Amino acid sequence: DVLLSQRADIQLRRGYVSLGHLSGKKSKAQVQQCIFCGRRYSNVRLHVLCACTCFVNFRQQCTKHFSSGLDIDMSSLNIPPSHPGYRPIIALFAHEVVRPAQYFLEGVKQLQVG
């Protein structure tokens, strides 16, 4: 589970996972809909990591693991794996974002093929 979380973290950091769509289709448009809440944003990745209401609980948990509150850069998940808060929060957060995103995109591919 730890390795899957670390892989998800890398996928998010590198932008390998699409977090936006247009009308249920994968898109590279400048403004896309968040796959989690359905709202339209020009920077869906930043929205998902920093503001999407679907992940409020994870962002609140981050404050428990970092001494000066949310002193981390959620927009880039720029926390080294050696940081004590990395494993319980950041890698888990990445896993919780990537897994449904992959399911969503698989569903889109099946709809496009079928």
Protein backbone atom coordinates (compact mmCIF):
# COMPACT_ATOMS: atom_id res chain seq x y z
CA ASP A 1 0.00 0.00 0.00
CA VAL A 2 2.93 2.33 0.75
CA LEU A 3 4.41 1.72 -2.70
CA LEU A 4 1.07 2.39 -4.39
CA SER A 5 0.76 5.64 -2.49
CA GLN A 6 4.27 6.70 -3.47
CA ARG A 7 3.55 5.84 -7.10
CA ALA A 8 0.35 7.89 -6.95
CA ASP A 9 2.33 10.79 -5.49
CA ILE A 10 4.78 10.64 -8.40
CA GLN A 11 1.92 10.44 -10.91
CA LEU A 12 0.36 13.59 -9.44
CA ARG A 13 3.64 15.48 -9.23
CA ARG A 14 4.47 14.69 -12.86
CA GLY A 15 0.99 15.32 -14.21
CA TYR A 16 0.47 11.77 -15.48
CA VAL A 17 -3.12 11.68 -14.22
CA SER A 18 -5.79 13.83 -15.79
CA LEU A 19 -8.05 15.47 -13.21
CA GLY A 20 -10.28 17.30 -15.67
CA HIS A 21 -12.65 16.55 -18.53
CA LEU A 22 -15.08 18.20 -20.92
CA SER A 23 -18.53 16.63 -21.17
CA GLY A 24 -17.18 13.32 -19.88
CA LYS A 25 -14.31 13.18 -22.38
CA LYS A 26 -10.62 13.46 -21.71
CA SER A 27 -9.46 16.87 -22.88
CA LYS A 28 -6.49 19.20 -23.03
CA ALA A 29 -8.68 22.31 -23.15
CA GLN A 30 -7.62 25.27 -21.06
CA VAL A 31 -10.84 25.23 -19.01
CA GLN A 32 -12.03 21.81 -17.86
CA GLN A 33 -14.45 20.31 -15.39
CA CYS A 34 -13.10 18.78 -12.20
CA ILE A 35 -13.77 15.03 -12.31
CA PHE A 36 -14.62 15.11 -8.60
CA CYS A 37 -16.97 18.08 -8.15
CA GLY A 38 -17.88 18.91 -11.77
CA ARG A 39 -17.03 22.61 -11.54
CA ARG A 40 -15.05 24.30 -14.32
CA TYR A 41 -11.51 25.59 -13.73
CA SER A 42 -8.58 26.75 -15.80
CA ASN A 43 -6.17 24.90 -13.50
CA VAL A 44 -7.96 21.73 -12.44
CA ARG A 45 -4.90 20.21 -10.78
CA LEU A 46 -4.44 23.23 -8.52
CA HIS A 47 -8.16 23.21 -7.73
CA VAL A 48 -8.15 19.50 -6.78
CA LEU A 49 -5.06 19.79 -4.59
CA CYS A 50 -5.94 23.08 -2.90
CA ALA A 51 -9.66 23.77 -3.02
CA CYS A 52 -11.90 20.90 -4.16
CA THR A 53 -14.59 20.28 -1.58
CA CYS A 54 -14.22 16.53 -2.09
CA PHE A 55 -10.86 16.59 -0.31
CA VAL A 56 -11.50 18.97 2.58
CA ASN A 57 -10.89 16.21 5.13
CA PHE A 58 -7.46 15.38 3.74
CA ARG A 59 -6.38 18.99 3.73
CA GLN A 60 -7.59 19.36 7.34
CA GLN A 61 -5.59 16.28 8.34
CA CYS A 62 -2.48 17.91 6.90
CA THR A 63 -2.61 20.56 9.63
CA LYS A 64 -2.26 17.82 12.26
CA HIS A 65 1.07 16.61 10.84
CA PHE A 66 2.74 19.93 10.23
CA SER A 67 3.77 22.05 13.21
CA SER A 68 2.95 25.51 11.87
CA GLY A 69 -0.39 24.56 10.40
CA LEU A 70 -0.58 24.10 6.68
CA ASP A 71 3.02 25.07 6.00
CA ILE A 72 3.23 22.85 2.96
CA ASP A 73 2.75 23.58 -0.69
CA MET A 74 -0.30 21.50 -1.58
CA SER A 75 -0.20 22.81 -5.14
CA SER A 76 2.89 20.79 -5.93
CA LEU A 77 2.83 18.25 -3.10
CA ASN A 78 6.33 19.51 -2.52
CA ILE A 79 7.13 17.47 0.56
CA PRO A 80 10.07 15.09 0.59
CA PRO A 81 9.35 11.46 1.53
CA SER A 82 11.72 11.87 4.50
CA HIS A 83 9.32 14.38 6.14
CA PRO A 84 7.38 12.79 9.05
CA GLY A 85 4.05 13.93 7.60
CA TYR A 86 4.70 12.56 4.12
CA ARG A 87 3.60 8.98 4.54
CA PRO A 88 0.45 9.41 6.61
CA ILE A 89 -0.92 12.34 4.65
CA ILE A 90 0.67 13.28 1.37
CA ALA A 91 1.12 9.83 -0.11
CA LEU A 92 -2.33 8.80 1.10
CA PHE A 93 -3.85 11.99 -0.31
CA ALA A 94 -2.21 11.31 -3.66
CA HIS A 95 -3.56 7.77 -3.64
CA GLU A 96 -7.07 9.01 -2.86
CA VAL A 97 -6.90 11.46 -5.78
CA VAL A 98 -5.28 9.19 -8.37
CA ARG A 99 -7.37 6.06 -7.83
CA PRO A 100 -10.79 7.63 -8.62
CA ALA A 101 -9.24 9.68 -11.43
CA GLN A 102 -8.03 6.49 -13.08
CA TYR A 103 -11.45 4.85 -12.65
CA PHE A 104 -13.12 7.90 -14.16
CA LEU A 105 -10.82 7.87 -17.19
CA GLU A 106 -11.23 4.11 -17.65
CA GLY A 107 -14.99 4.66 -17.74
CA VAL A 108 -14.50 7.37 -20.35
CA LYS A 109 -12.39 5.03 -22.49
CA GLN A 110 -15.02 2.28 -22.24
CA LEU A 111 -17.76 4.72 -23.24
CA GLN A 112 -15.73 5.92 -26.23
CA VAL A 113 -14.99 2.35 -27.39
CA GLY A 114 -18.52 1.02 -26.77
